[in-house]
């Protein structure tokens, strides 16, 4: 049975849609970060799928995905550090309660 590109793209589109929904509707910074990571993972899946089906002998999509995963890990560490510092000052990580970054 031959798997087509559609079998991989539909879950990726669903993941990206869930990430966008969570990013728009959530007010907790940690939940927003998780939604952003979900969107980034969906994009990484798309990179691998398009590389596999359009250029089967080349690995540019795989290397770009590894670079994107490393960049997402660094971004997550930085954002968690910012969230911890905001929690230390404001005792809350709700986006609605934060009007400006400098307290």
PDB file of N, CA and C in Angstrom:
ATOM      1  N   UNK A   1       0.847  -1.187   0.000  1.00  0.00           N
ATOM      2  CA  UNK A   1       0.000   0.000   0.000  1.00  0.00           C
ATOM      3  C   UNK A   1       0.884   1.238   0.000  1.00  0.00           C
ATOM      4  N   UNK A   2       0.691   2.065  -0.956  1.00  0.00           N
ATOM      5  CA  UNK A   2       1.477   3.288  -1.101  1.00  0.00           C
ATOM      6  C   UNK A   2       0.863   4.402  -0.253  1.00  0.00           C
ATOM      7  N   UNK A   3       1.665   4.961   0.612  1.00  0.00           N
ATOM      8  CA  UNK A   3       1.191   6.098   1.397  1.00  0.00           C
ATOM      9  C   UNK A   3       1.411   7.371   0.608  1.00  0.00           C
ATOM     10  N   UNK A   4       0.390   8.166   0.504  1.00  0.00           N
ATOM     11  CA  UNK A   4       0.512   9.423  -0.212  1.00  0.00           C
ATOM     12  C   UNK A   4       0.844  10.549   0.763  1.00  0.00           C
ATOM     13  N   UNK A   5       1.126  11.684   0.193  1.00  0.00           N
ATOM     14  CA  UNK A   5       1.474  12.847   0.999  1.00  0.00           C
ATOM     15  C   UNK A   5       0.314  13.273   1.893  1.00  0.00           C
ATOM     16  N   UNK A   6      -0.897  13.001   1.456  1.00  0.00           N
ATOM     17  CA  UNK A   6      -2.078  13.419   2.195  1.00  0.00           C
ATOM     18  C   UNK A   6      -2.173  12.761   3.573  1.00  0.00           C
ATOM     19  N   UNK A   7      -1.692  11.529   3.699  1.00  0.00           N
ATOM     20  CA  UNK A   7      -1.732  10.832   4.984  1.00  0.00           C
ATOM     21  C   UNK A   7      -0.867  11.526   6.032  1.00  0.00           C
ATOM     22  N   UNK A   8       0.128  12.264   5.600  1.00  0.00           N
ATOM     23  CA  UNK A   8       0.997  12.981   6.523  1.00  0.00           C
ATOM     24  C   UNK A   8       0.570  14.432   6.710  1.00  0.00           C
ATOM     25  N   UNK A   9      -0.004  15.018   5.686  1.00  0.00           N
ATOM     26  CA  UNK A   9      -0.360  16.426   5.756  1.00  0.00           C
ATOM     27  C   UNK A   9      -1.628  16.686   6.562  1.00  0.00           C
ATOM     28  N   UNK A  10      -2.563  15.761   6.541  1.00  0.00           N
ATOM     29  CA  UNK A  10      -3.802  15.967   7.301  1.00  0.00           C
ATOM     30  C   UNK A  10      -3.537  16.034   8.809  1.00  0.00           C
ATOM     31  N   UNK A  11      -2.765  15.115   9.416  1.00  0.00           N
ATOM     32  CA  UNK A  11      -2.461  15.293  10.846  1.00  0.00           C
ATOM     33  C   UNK A  11      -1.647  16.565  11.122  1.00  0.00           C
ATOM     34  N   UNK A  12      -0.784  16.930  10.180  1.00  0.00           N
ATOM     35  CA  UNK A  12      -0.005  18.151  10.362  1.00  0.00           C
ATOM     36  C   UNK A  12      -0.899  19.389  10.340  1.00  0.00           C
ATOM     37  N   UNK A  13      -1.860  19.404   9.428  1.00  0.00           N
ATOM     38  CA  UNK A  13      -2.808  20.528   9.376  1.00  0.00           C
ATOM     39  C   UNK A  13      -3.652  20.571  10.642  1.00  0.00           C
ATOM     40  N   UNK A  14      -4.059  19.403  11.121  1.00  0.00           N
ATOM     41  CA  UNK A  14      -4.834  19.336  12.361  1.00  0.00           C
ATOM     42  C   UNK A  14      -4.012  19.843  13.551  1.00  0.00           C
ATOM     43  N   UNK A  15      -2.744  19.444  13.621  1.00  0.00           N
ATOM     44  CA  UNK A  15      -1.865  19.922  14.702  1.00  0.00           C
ATOM     45  C   UNK A  15      -1.694  21.432  14.636  1.00  0.00           C
ATOM     46  N   UNK A  16      -1.475  21.956  13.431  1.00  0.00           N
ATOM     47  CA  UNK A  16      -1.293  23.392  13.283  1.00  0.00           C
ATOM     48  C   UNK A  16      -2.565  24.141  13.670  1.00  0.00           C
ATOM     49  N   UNK A  17      -3.720  23.615  13.274  1.00  0.00           N
ATOM     50  CA  UNK A  17      -4.988  24.244  13.639  1.00  0.00           C
ATOM     51  C   UNK A  17      -5.224  24.246  15.142  1.00  0.00           C
ATOM     52  N   UNK A  18      -4.889  23.142  15.793  1.00  0.00           N
ATOM     53  CA  UNK A  18      -5.008  23.093  17.259  1.00  0.00           C
ATOM     54  C   UNK A  18      -4.071  24.095  17.922  1.00  0.00           C
ATOM     55  N   UNK A  19      -2.875  24.243  17.361  1.00  0.00           N
ATOM     56  CA  UNK A  19      -1.924  25.216  17.896  1.00  0.00           C
ATOM     57  C   UNK A  19      -2.408  26.642  17.732  1.00  0.00           C
ATOM     58  N   UNK A  20      -2.968  26.959  16.580  1.00  0.00           N
ATOM     59  CA  UNK A  20      -3.500  28.312  16.357  1.00  0.00           C
ATOM     60  C   UNK A  20      -4.676  28.582  17.287  1.00  0.00           C
ATOM     61  N   UNK A  21      -5.557  27.598  17.423  1.00  0.00           N
ATOM     62  CA  UNK A  21      -6.707  27.757  18.331  1.00  0.00           C
ATOM     63  C   UNK A  21      -6.236  27.981  19.771  1.00  0.00           C
ATOM     64  N   UNK A  22      -5.276  27.187  20.210  1.00  0.00           N
ATOM     65  CA  UNK A  22      -4.756  27.356  21.564  1.00  0.00           C
ATOM     66  C   UNK A  22      -4.034  28.674  21.750  1.00  0.00           C
ATOM     67  N   UNK A  23      -3.315  29.122  20.736  1.00  0.00           N
ATOM     68  CA  UNK A  23      -2.584  30.387  20.830  1.00  0.00           C
ATOM     69  C   UNK A  23      -3.542  31.565  20.933  1.00  0.00           C
ATOM     70  N   UNK A  24      -4.659  31.487  20.216  1.00  0.00           N
ATOM     71  CA  UNK A  24      -5.613  32.599  20.217  1.00  0.00           C
ATOM     72  C   UNK A  24      -6.488  32.593  21.464  1.00  0.00           C
ATOM     73  N   UNK A  25      -6.895  31.429  21.933  1.00  0.00           N
ATOM     74  CA  UNK A  25      -7.881  31.372  23.009  1.00  0.00           C
ATOM     75  C   UNK A  25      -7.276  31.323  24.408  1.00  0.00           C
ATOM     76  N   UNK A  26      -6.087  30.845  24.571  1.00  0.00           N
ATOM     77  CA  UNK A  26      -5.504  30.703  25.912  1.00  0.00           C
ATOM     78  C   UNK A  26      -4.974  32.033  26.420  1.00  0.00           C
ATOM     79  N   UNK A  27      -4.988  32.185  27.742  1.00  0.00           N
ATOM     80  CA  UNK A  27      -4.469  33.392  28.372  1.00  0.00           C
ATOM     81  C   UNK A  27      -3.279  33.111  29.276  1.00  0.00           C
ATOM     82  N   UNK A  28      -3.014  31.852  29.544  1.00  0.00           N
ATOM     83  CA  UNK A  28      -1.869  31.477  30.361  1.00  0.00           C
ATOM     84  C   UNK A  28      -0.634  31.415  29.461  1.00  0.00           C
ATOM     85  N   UNK A  29       0.466  32.023  29.896  1.00  0.00           N
ATOM     86  CA  UNK A  29       1.666  32.075  29.049  1.00  0.00           C
ATOM     87  C   UNK A  29       2.229  30.695  28.744  1.00  0.00           C
ATOM     88  N   UNK A  30       2.140  29.784  29.682  1.00  0.00           N
ATOM     89  CA  UNK A  30       2.649  28.438  29.448  1.00  0.00           C
ATOM     90  C   UNK A  30       1.801  27.727  28.395  1.00  0.00           C
ATOM     91  N   UNK A  31       0.497  27.910  28.434  1.00  0.00           N
ATOM     92  CA  UNK A  31      -0.381  27.313  27.429  1.00  0.00           C
ATOM     93  C   UNK A  31      -0.125  27.912  26.046  1.00  0.00           C
ATOM     94  N   UNK A  32       0.152  29.197  26.000  1.00  0.00           N
ATOM     95  CA  UNK A  32       0.484  29.839  24.732  1.00  0.00           C
ATOM     96  C   UNK A  32       1.789  29.276  24.193  1.00  0.00           C
ATOM     97  N   UNK A  33       2.758  29.048  25.062  1.00  0.00           N
ATOM     98  CA  UNK A  33       4.034  28.473  24.640  1.00  0.00           C
ATOM     99  C   UNK A  33       3.845  27.056  24.095  1.00  0.00           C
ATOM    100  N   UNK A  34       3.022  26.261  24.745  1.00  0.00           N
ATOM    101  CA  UNK A  34       2.757  24.902  24.275  1.00  0.00           C
ATOM    102  C   UNK A  34       2.067  24.937  22.906  1.00  0.00           C
ATOM    103  N   UNK A  35       1.148  25.862  22.715  1.00  0.00           N
ATOM    104  CA  UNK A  35       0.477  25.988  21.421  1.00  0.00           C
ATOM    105  C   UNK A  35       1.453  26.411  20.337  1.00  0.00           C
ATOM    106  N   UNK A  36       2.367  27.297  20.664  1.00  0.00           N
ATOM    107  CA  UNK A  36       3.378  27.716  19.699  1.00  0.00           C
ATOM    108  C   UNK A  36       4.289  26.556  19.320  1.00  0.00           C
ATOM    109  N   UNK A  37       4.658  25.748  20.289  1.00  0.00           N
ATOM    110  CA  UNK A  37       5.491  24.576  20.003  1.00  0.00           C
ATOM    111  C   UNK A  37       4.736  23.562  19.147  1.00  0.00           C
ATOM    112  N   UNK A  38       3.444  23.436  19.363  1.00  0.00           N
ATOM    113  CA  UNK A  38       2.633  22.540  18.533  1.00  0.00           C
ATOM    114  C   UNK A  38       2.619  23.003  17.080  1.00  0.00           C
ATOM    115  N   UNK A  39       2.514  24.309  16.872  1.00  0.00           N
ATOM    116  CA  UNK A  39       2.558  24.836  15.507  1.00  0.00           C
ATOM    117  C   UNK A  39       3.931  24.609  14.873  1.00  0.00           C
ATOM    118  N   UNK A  40       4.996  24.794  15.629  1.00  0.00           N
ATOM    119  CA  UNK A  40       6.343  24.578  15.094  1.00  0.00           C
ATOM    120  C   UNK A  40       6.568  23.110  14.729  1.00  0.00           C
ATOM    121  N   UNK A  41       6.048  22.196  15.526  1.00  0.00           N
ATOM    122  CA  UNK A  41       6.180  20.774  15.214  1.00  0.00           C
ATOM    123  C   UNK A  41       5.393  20.399  13.960  1.00  0.00           C
ATOM    124  N   UNK A  42       4.245  21.015  13.763  1.00  0.00           N
ATOM    125  CA  UNK A  42       3.479  20.759  12.542  1.00  0.00           C
ATOM    126  C   UNK A  42       4.245  21.242  11.311  1.00  0.00           C
ATOM    127  N   UNK A  43       4.904  22.364  11.425  1.00  0.00           N
ATOM    128  CA  UNK A  43       5.712  22.875  10.310  1.00  0.00           C
ATOM    129  C   UNK A  43       6.896  21.945  10.054  1.00  0.00           C
ATOM    130  N   UNK A  44       7.513  21.431  11.110  1.00  0.00           N
ATOM    131  CA  UNK A  44       8.623  20.487  10.938  1.00  0.00           C
ATOM    132  C   UNK A  44       8.175  19.217  10.216  1.00  0.00           C
ATOM    133  N   UNK A  45       6.988  18.732  10.542  1.00  0.00           N
ATOM    134  CA  UNK A  45       6.453  17.567   9.838  1.00  0.00           C
ATOM    135  C   UNK A  45       6.286  17.881   8.348  1.00  0.00           C
ATOM    136  N   UNK A  46       5.805  19.079   8.046  1.00  0.00           N
ATOM    137  CA  UNK A  46       5.643  19.466   6.641  1.00  0.00           C
ATOM    138  C   UNK A  46       6.980  19.517   5.911  1.00  0.00           C
ATOM    139  N   UNK A  47       8.025  20.028   6.569  1.00  0.00           N
ATOM    140  CA  UNK A  47       9.345  20.054   5.943  1.00  0.00           C
ATOM    141  C   UNK A  47       9.802  18.653   5.569  1.00  0.00           C
ATOM    142  N   UNK A  48       9.652  17.723   6.483  1.00  0.00           N
ATOM    143  CA  UNK A  48      10.092  16.352   6.231  1.00  0.00           C
ATOM    144  C   UNK A  48       9.252  15.699   5.135  1.00  0.00           C
ATOM    145  N   UNK A  49       7.948  15.898   5.168  1.00  0.00           N
ATOM    146  CA  UNK A  49       7.069  15.266   4.179  1.00  0.00           C
ATOM    147  C   UNK A  49       7.349  15.797   2.781  1.00  0.00           C
ATOM    148  N   UNK A  50       7.445  17.111   2.642  1.00  0.00           N
ATOM    149  CA  UNK A  50       7.702  17.666   1.315  1.00  0.00           C
ATOM    150  C   UNK A  50       9.080  17.265   0.803  1.00  0.00           C
ATOM    151  N   UNK A  51      10.064  17.190   1.694  1.00  0.00           N
ATOM    152  CA  UNK A  51      11.379  16.740   1.267  1.00  0.00           C
ATOM    153  C   UNK A  51      11.333  15.283   0.818  1.00  0.00           C
ATOM    154  N   UNK A  52      10.616  14.460   1.534  1.00  0.00           N
ATOM    155  CA  UNK A  52      10.549  13.022   1.230  1.00  0.00           C
ATOM    156  C   UNK A  52       9.855  12.753  -0.097  1.00  0.00           C
ATOM    157  N   UNK A  53       8.779  13.491  -0.368  1.00  0.00           N
ATOM    158  CA  UNK A  53       8.007  13.210  -1.571  1.00  0.00           C
ATOM    159  C   UNK A  53       8.480  13.997  -2.792  1.00  0.00           C
ATOM    160  N   UNK A  54       9.026  15.196  -2.610  1.00  0.00           N
ATOM    161  CA  UNK A  54       9.439  15.990  -3.760  1.00  0.00           C
ATOM    162  C   UNK A  54      10.897  15.753  -4.152  1.00  0.00           C
ATOM    163  N   UNK A  55      11.767  15.571  -3.143  1.00  0.00           N
ATOM    164  CA  UNK A  55      13.195  15.355  -3.401  1.00  0.00           C
ATOM    165  C   UNK A  55      13.652  14.136  -2.604  1.00  0.00           C
ATOM    166  N   UNK A  56      13.327  12.918  -3.034  1.00  0.00           N
ATOM    167  CA  UNK A  56      13.564  11.729  -2.212  1.00  0.00           C
ATOM    168  C   UNK A  56      15.030  11.425  -1.937  1.00  0.00           C
ATOM    169  N   UNK A  57      15.943  11.831  -2.802  1.00  0.00           N
ATOM    170  CA  UNK A  57      17.345  11.496  -2.590  1.00  0.00           C
ATOM    171  C   UNK A  57      18.113  12.517  -1.786  1.00  0.00           C
ATOM    172  N   UNK A  58      17.516  13.635  -1.466  1.00  0.00           N
ATOM    173  CA  UNK A  58      18.224  14.709  -0.781  1.00  0.00           C
ATOM    174  C   UNK A  58      17.748  14.827   0.654  1.00  0.00           C
ATOM    175  N   UNK A  59      18.580  15.433   1.502  1.00  0.00           N
ATOM    176  CA  UNK A  59      18.266  15.513   2.931  1.00  0.00           C
ATOM    177  C   UNK A  59      18.146  16.944   3.440  1.00  0.00           C
ATOM    178  N   UNK A  60      17.922  17.905   2.563  1.00  0.00           N
ATOM    179  CA  UNK A  60      17.846  19.291   3.021  1.00  0.00           C
ATOM    180  C   UNK A  60      16.687  19.523   3.982  1.00  0.00           C
ATOM    181  N   UNK A  61      15.544  18.913   3.712  1.00  0.00           N
ATOM    182  CA  UNK A  61      14.392  19.067   4.601  1.00  0.00           C
ATOM    183  C   UNK A  61      14.643  18.475   5.974  1.00  0.00           C
ATOM    184  N   UNK A  62      15.353  17.363   6.016  1.00  0.00           N
ATOM    185  CA  UNK A  62      15.678  16.732   7.303  1.00  0.00           C
ATOM    186  C   UNK A  62      16.626  17.610   8.114  1.00  0.00           C
ATOM    187  N   UNK A  63      17.659  18.141   7.454  1.00  0.00           N
ATOM    188  CA  UNK A  63      18.611  18.996   8.166  1.00  0.00           C
ATOM    189  C   UNK A  63      17.955  20.299   8.619  1.00  0.00           C
ATOM    190  N   UNK A  64      17.091  20.851   7.776  1.00  0.00           N
ATOM    191  CA  UNK A  64      16.390  22.065   8.165  1.00  0.00           C
ATOM    192  C   UNK A  64      15.463  21.795   9.338  1.00  0.00           C
ATOM    193  N   UNK A  65      14.844  20.624   9.367  1.00  0.00           N
ATOM    194  CA  UNK A  65      13.981  20.262  10.488  1.00  0.00           C
ATOM    195  C   UNK A  65      14.783  20.108  11.773  1.00  0.00           C
ATOM    196  N   UNK A  66      15.957  19.479  11.701  1.00  0.00           N
ATOM    197  CA  UNK A  66      16.800  19.372  12.892  1.00  0.00           C
ATOM    198  C   UNK A  66      17.230  20.744  13.397  1.00  0.00           C
ATOM    199  N   UNK A  67      17.554  21.645  12.473  1.00  0.00           N
ATOM    200  CA  UNK A  67      17.906  23.008  12.861  1.00  0.00           C
ATOM    201  C   UNK A  67      16.715  23.705  13.504  1.00  0.00           C
ATOM    202  N   UNK A  68      15.519  23.518  12.950  1.00  0.00           N
ATOM    203  CA  UNK A  68      14.315  24.144  13.511  1.00  0.00           C
ATOM    204  C   UNK A  68      13.989  23.588  14.890  1.00  0.00           C
ATOM    205  N   UNK A  69      14.221  22.300  15.109  1.00  0.00           N
ATOM    206  CA  UNK A  69      13.976  21.707  16.429  1.00  0.00           C
ATOM    207  C   UNK A  69      14.959  22.278  17.451  1.00  0.00           C
ATOM    208  N   UNK A  70      16.225  22.422  17.070  1.00  0.00           N
ATOM    209  CA  UNK A  70      17.215  23.011  17.975  1.00  0.00           C
ATOM    210  C   UNK A  70      16.868  24.464  18.276  1.00  0.00           C
ATOM    211  N   UNK A  71      16.434  25.201  17.277  1.00  0.00           N
ATOM    212  CA  UNK A  71      16.039  26.588  17.480  1.00  0.00           C
ATOM    213  C   UNK A  71      14.812  26.678  18.384  1.00  0.00           C
ATOM    214  N   UNK A  72      13.863  25.768  18.228  1.00  0.00           N
ATOM    215  CA  UNK A  72      12.667  25.750  19.076  1.00  0.00           C
ATOM    216  C   UNK A  72      13.023  25.416  20.525  1.00  0.00           C
ATOM    217  N   UNK A  73      13.995  24.546  20.727  1.00  0.00           N
ATOM    218  CA  UNK A  73      14.423  24.218  22.092  1.00  0.00           C
ATOM    219  C   UNK A  73      15.068  25.429  22.756  1.00  0.00           C
ATOM    220  N   UNK A  74      15.885  26.162  22.019  1.00  0.00           N
ATOM    221  CA  UNK A  74      16.504  27.366  22.576  1.00  0.00           C
ATOM    222  C   UNK A  74      15.451  28.439  22.854  1.00  0.00           C
ATOM    223  N   UNK A  75      14.502  28.572  21.957  1.00  0.00           N
ATOM    224  CA  UNK A  75      13.427  29.543  22.153  1.00  0.00           C
ATOM    225  C   UNK A  75      12.577  29.186  23.365  1.00  0.00           C
ATOM    226  N   UNK A  76      12.318  27.901  23.560  1.00  0.00           N
ATOM    227  CA  UNK A  76      11.535  27.466  24.710  1.00  0.00           C
ATOM    228  C   UNK A  76      12.259  27.756  26.018  1.00  0.00           C
ATOM    229  N   UNK A  77      13.551  27.510  26.059  1.00  0.00           N
ATOM    230  CA  UNK A  77      14.327  27.799  27.269  1.00  0.00           C
ATOM    231  C   UNK A  77      14.300  29.288  27.586  1.00  0.00           C
ATOM    232  N   UNK A  78      14.428  30.129  26.585  1.00  0.00           N
ATOM    233  CA  UNK A  78      14.399  31.573  26.789  1.00  0.00           C
ATOM    234  C   UNK A  78      13.029  32.042  27.268  1.00  0.00           C
ATOM    235  N   UNK A  79      11.965  31.534  26.656  1.00  0.00           N
ATOM    236  CA  UNK A  79      10.617  31.946  27.041  1.00  0.00           C
ATOM    237  C   UNK A  79      10.273  31.460  28.443  1.00  0.00           C
ATOM    238  N   UNK A  80      10.695  30.265  28.807  1.00  0.00           N
ATOM    239  CA  UNK A  80      10.433  29.784  30.169  1.00  0.00           C
ATOM    240  C   UNK A  80      11.171  30.638  31.188  1.00  0.00           C
ATOM    241  N   UNK A  81      12.378  31.081  30.878  1.00  0.00           N
ATOM    242  CA  UNK A  81      13.104  31.981  31.781  1.00  0.00           C
ATOM    243  C   UNK A  81      12.360  33.308  31.935  1.00  0.00           C
ATOM    244  N   UNK A  82      11.818  33.831  30.848  1.00  0.00           N
ATOM    245  CA  UNK A  82      11.042  35.072  30.925  1.00  0.00           C
ATOM    246  C   UNK A  82       9.779  34.870  31.746  1.00  0.00           C
ATOM    247  N   UNK A  83       9.097  33.746  31.552  1.00  0.00           N
ATOM    248  CA  UNK A  83       7.874  33.461  32.312  1.00  0.00           C
ATOM    249  C   UNK A  83       8.183  33.338  33.797  1.00  0.00           C
ATOM    250  N   UNK A  84       9.282  32.702  34.152  1.00  0.00           N
ATOM    251  CA  UNK A  84       9.664  32.566  35.567  1.00  0.00           C
ATOM    252  C   UNK A  84       9.945  33.930  36.176  1.00  0.00           C
ATOM    253  N   UNK A  85      10.632  34.803  35.445  1.00  0.00           N
ATOM    254  CA  UNK A  85      10.895  36.150  35.967  1.00  0.00           C
ATOM    255  C   UNK A  85       9.618  36.964  36.115  1.00  0.00           C
ATOM    256  N   UNK A  86       8.682  36.827  35.188  1.00  0.00           N
ATOM    257  CA  UNK A  86       7.402  37.524  35.314  1.00  0.00           C
ATOM    258  C   UNK A  86       6.629  36.984  36.511  1.00  0.00           C
ATOM    259  N   UNK A  87       6.668  35.674  36.718  1.00  0.00           N
ATOM    260  CA  UNK A  87       5.961  35.090  37.865  1.00  0.00           C
ATOM    261  C   UNK A  87       6.566  35.564  39.183  1.00  0.00           C
ATOM    262  N   UNK A  88       7.870  35.719  39.238  1.00  0.00           N
ATOM    263  CA  UNK A  88       8.514  36.203  40.465  1.00  0.00           C
ATOM    264  C   UNK A  88       8.055  37.607  40.833  1.00  0.00           C
ATOM    265  N   UNK A  89       7.836  38.428  39.825  1.00  0.00           N
ATOM    266  CA  UNK A  89       7.441  39.810  40.096  1.00  0.00           C
ATOM    267  C   UNK A  89       5.933  39.934  40.272  1.00  0.00           C
ATOM    268  N   UNK A  90       5.161  39.353  39.372  1.00  0.00           N
ATOM    269  CA  UNK A  90       3.714  39.575  39.356  1.00  0.00           C
ATOM    270  C   UNK A  90       2.920  38.491  40.071  1.00  0.00           C
ATOM    271  N   UNK A  91       3.536  37.343  40.368  1.00  0.00           N
ATOM    272  CA  UNK A  91       2.857  36.198  40.994  1.00  0.00           C
ATOM    273  C   UNK A  91       1.691  35.682  40.158  1.00  0.00           C
ATOM    274  N   UNK A  92       1.773  35.902  38.841  1.00  0.00           N
ATOM    275  CA  UNK A  92       0.721  35.468  37.948  1.00  0.00           C
ATOM    276  C   UNK A  92       1.302  35.380  36.541  1.00  0.00           C
ATOM    277  N   UNK A  93       0.857  34.409  35.769  1.00  0.00           N
ATOM    278  CA  UNK A  93       1.309  34.297  34.383  1.00  0.00           C
ATOM    279  C   UNK A  93       0.142  34.441  33.410  1.00  0.00           C
ATOM    280  N   UNK A  94      -0.921  35.083  33.855  1.00  0.00           N
ATOM    281  CA  UNK A  94      -2.064  35.324  32.989  1.00  0.00           C
ATOM    282  C   UNK A  94      -1.785  36.548  32.134  1.00  0.00           C
ATOM    283  N   UNK A  95      -2.008  36.436  30.843  1.00  0.00           N
ATOM    284  CA  UNK A  95      -1.675  37.512  29.912  1.00  0.00           C
ATOM    285  C   UNK A  95      -2.557  38.733  30.141  1.00  0.00           C
ATOM    286  N   UNK A  96      -3.805  38.525  30.523  1.00  0.00           N
ATOM    287  CA  UNK A  96      -4.715  39.657  30.728  1.00  0.00           C
ATOM    288  C   UNK A  96      -4.283  40.557  31.878  1.00  0.00           C
ATOM    289  N   UNK A  97      -3.618  39.989  32.881  1.00  0.00           N
ATOM    290  CA  UNK A  97      -3.225  40.769  34.044  1.00  0.00           C
ATOM    291  C   UNK A  97      -1.921  41.532  33.847  1.00  0.00           C
ATOM    292  N   UNK A  98      -1.216  41.259  32.811  1.00  0.00           N
ATOM    293  CA  UNK A  98       0.056  41.931  32.547  1.00  0.00           C
ATOM    294  C   UNK A  98      -0.167  43.034  31.527  1.00  0.00           C
ATOM    295  N   UNK A  99       0.038  44.265  31.946  1.00  0.00           N
ATOM    296  CA  UNK A  99      -0.188  45.371  31.017  1.00  0.00           C
ATOM    297  C   UNK A  99       1.108  45.832  30.368  1.00  0.00           C
ATOM    298  N   UNK A 100       2.211  45.665  31.069  1.00  0.00           N
ATOM    299  CA  UNK A 100       3.512  46.022  30.488  1.00  0.00           C
ATOM    300  C   UNK A 100       4.576  45.146  31.130  1.00  0.00           C
ATOM    301  N   UNK A 101       5.711  45.033  30.461  1.00  0.00           N
ATOM    302  CA  UNK A 101       6.753  44.137  30.943  1.00  0.00           C
ATOM    303  C   UNK A 101       7.510  44.715  32.142  1.00  0.00           C
ATOM    304  N   UNK A 102       7.600  46.025  32.250  1.00  0.00           N
ATOM    305  CA  UNK A 102       8.342  46.628  33.353  1.00  0.00           C
ATOM    306  C   UNK A 102       7.365  46.906  34.490  1.00  0.00           C
ATOM    307  N   UNK A 103       7.665  46.366  35.657  1.00  0.00           N
ATOM    308  CA  UNK A 103       6.778  46.561  36.801  1.00  0.00           C
ATOM    309  C   UNK A 103       7.327  47.633  37.671  1.00  0.00           C
TER     310      UNK A 103
END
